[in-house]
Amino acid sequence: MPPMFAPAHELSRYIHIVNAFCREAEQTRDPIHDTMWDLLDELIEAHDQIAPKSLFAGKSINVCI
């Protein structure tokens, strides 16, 4: 796989932000909670595909779901 300029580091940052919002929505019983979890899953899948090829990917991220 050739390296590429994919923004895996930005995806990692957004995953952490969305994860925090998911946890808050869960506690407040926000109706958008399920949609946010779906978004988080898609961000994680995208990161998993891009990170191995990205020049910007650092260590793998750990997200507690």
C-alpha atoms as a PDB file:
ATOM      1  CA  MET A   1       0.000   0.000   0.000  1.00  0.00           C
ATOM      2  CA  PRO A   2       1.520   3.350  -0.954  1.00  0.00           C
ATOM      3  CA  PRO A   3       1.308   6.111   1.665  1.00  0.00           C
ATOM      4  CA  MET A   4      -1.273   8.808   1.132  1.00  0.00           C
ATOM      5  CA  PHE A   5      -2.124  12.239   2.480  1.00  0.00           C
ATOM      6  CA  ALA A   6      -5.327  11.147   4.226  1.00  0.00           C
ATOM      7  CA  PRO A   7      -6.370  13.154   7.288  1.00  0.00           C
ATOM      8  CA  ALA A   8      -6.434  10.225   9.712  1.00  0.00           C
ATOM      9  CA  HIS A   9      -5.257  12.496  12.521  1.00  0.00           C
ATOM     10  CA  GLU A  10      -8.299  14.726  12.003  1.00  0.00           C
ATOM     11  CA  LEU A  11     -10.648  11.746  11.982  1.00  0.00           C
ATOM     12  CA  SER A  12      -9.111  10.611  15.248  1.00  0.00           C
ATOM     13  CA  ARG A  13      -9.804  14.013  16.800  1.00  0.00           C
ATOM     14  CA  TYR A  14     -13.410  13.992  15.571  1.00  0.00           C
ATOM     15  CA  ILE A  15     -13.931  10.486  16.912  1.00  0.00           C
ATOM     16  CA  HIS A  16     -12.986  11.661  20.392  1.00  0.00           C
ATOM     17  CA  ILE A  17     -15.282  14.687  20.130  1.00  0.00           C
ATOM     18  CA  VAL A  18     -18.277  12.714  18.846  1.00  0.00           C
ATOM     19  CA  ASN A  19     -17.663  10.051  21.494  1.00  0.00           C
ATOM     20  CA  ALA A  20     -17.911  12.712  24.219  1.00  0.00           C
ATOM     21  CA  PHE A  21     -21.146  14.034  22.722  1.00  0.00           C
ATOM     22  CA  CYS A  22     -22.525  10.479  22.524  1.00  0.00           C
ATOM     23  CA  ARG A  23     -21.866   9.932  26.203  1.00  0.00           C
ATOM     24  CA  GLU A  24     -23.520  13.240  27.101  1.00  0.00           C
ATOM     25  CA  ALA A  25     -26.544  12.482  24.887  1.00  0.00           C
ATOM     26  CA  GLU A  26     -26.863   9.092  26.558  1.00  0.00           C
ATOM     27  CA  GLN A  27     -26.961  10.643  30.026  1.00  0.00           C
ATOM     28  CA  THR A  28     -29.427  13.368  29.059  1.00  0.00           C
ATOM     29  CA  ARG A  29     -31.562  10.876  27.090  1.00  0.00           C
ATOM     30  CA  ASP A  30     -31.337  13.047  23.995  1.00  0.00           C
ATOM     31  CA  PRO A  31     -33.398  11.614  21.113  1.00  0.00           C
ATOM     32  CA  ILE A  32     -30.470  12.050  18.712  1.00  0.00           C
ATOM     33  CA  HIS A  33     -28.419   9.602  20.785  1.00  0.00           C
ATOM     34  CA  ASP A  34     -28.804   6.621  18.412  1.00  0.00           C
ATOM     35  CA  THR A  35     -27.936   8.711  15.363  1.00  0.00           C
ATOM     36  CA  MET A  36     -24.776   9.962  17.053  1.00  0.00           C
ATOM     37  CA  TRP A  37     -23.697   6.384  17.847  1.00  0.00           C
ATOM     38  CA  ASP A  38     -24.209   5.484  14.181  1.00  0.00           C
ATOM     39  CA  LEU A  39     -22.061   8.449  13.172  1.00  0.00           C
ATOM     40  CA  LEU A  40     -19.367   7.389  15.625  1.00  0.00           C
ATOM     41  CA  ASP A  41     -19.355   3.859  14.187  1.00  0.00           C
ATOM     42  CA  GLU A  42     -18.946   5.225  10.660  1.00  0.00           C
ATOM     43  CA  LEU A  43     -16.108   7.537  11.703  1.00  0.00           C
ATOM     44  CA  ILE A  44     -14.303   4.625  13.355  1.00  0.00           C
ATOM     45  CA  GLU A  45     -14.738   2.459  10.246  1.00  0.00           C
ATOM     46  CA  ALA A  46     -13.397   5.250   8.029  1.00  0.00           C
ATOM     47  CA  HIS A  47     -10.432   5.736  10.340  1.00  0.00           C
ATOM     48  CA  ASP A  48      -9.674   2.011  10.335  1.00  0.00           C
ATOM     49  CA  GLN A  49      -9.552   2.028   6.533  1.00  0.00           C
ATOM     50  CA  ILE A  50      -7.515   5.233   6.156  1.00  0.00           C
ATOM     51  CA  ALA A  51      -5.063   4.985   9.066  1.00  0.00           C
ATOM     52  CA  PRO A  52      -2.873   2.156   7.702  1.00  0.00           C
ATOM     53  CA  LYS A  53      -2.214   4.171   4.518  1.00  0.00           C
ATOM     54  CA  SER A  54      -2.059   7.682   5.958  1.00  0.00           C
ATOM     55  CA  LEU A  55       1.191   9.549   6.419  1.00  0.00           C
ATOM     56  CA  PHE A  56      -0.460  11.448   9.268  1.00  0.00           C
ATOM     57  CA  ALA A  57      -1.697   8.482  11.294  1.00  0.00           C
ATOM     58  CA  GLY A  58      -0.040   8.175  14.638  1.00  0.00           C
ATOM     59  CA  LYS A  59      -0.828   5.547  17.189  1.00  0.00           C
ATOM     60  CA  SER A  60      -4.142   3.768  16.897  1.00  0.00           C
ATOM     61  CA  ILE A  61      -6.943   5.309  18.897  1.00  0.00           C
ATOM     62  CA  ASN A  62      -8.813   3.651  21.693  1.00  0.00           C
ATOM     63  CA  VAL A  63     -12.486   4.493  21.921  1.00  0.00           C
ATOM     64  CA  CYS A  64     -14.631   2.917  24.606  1.00  0.00           C
ATOM     65  CA  ILE A  65     -18.011   2.154  23.101  1.00  0.00           C
END
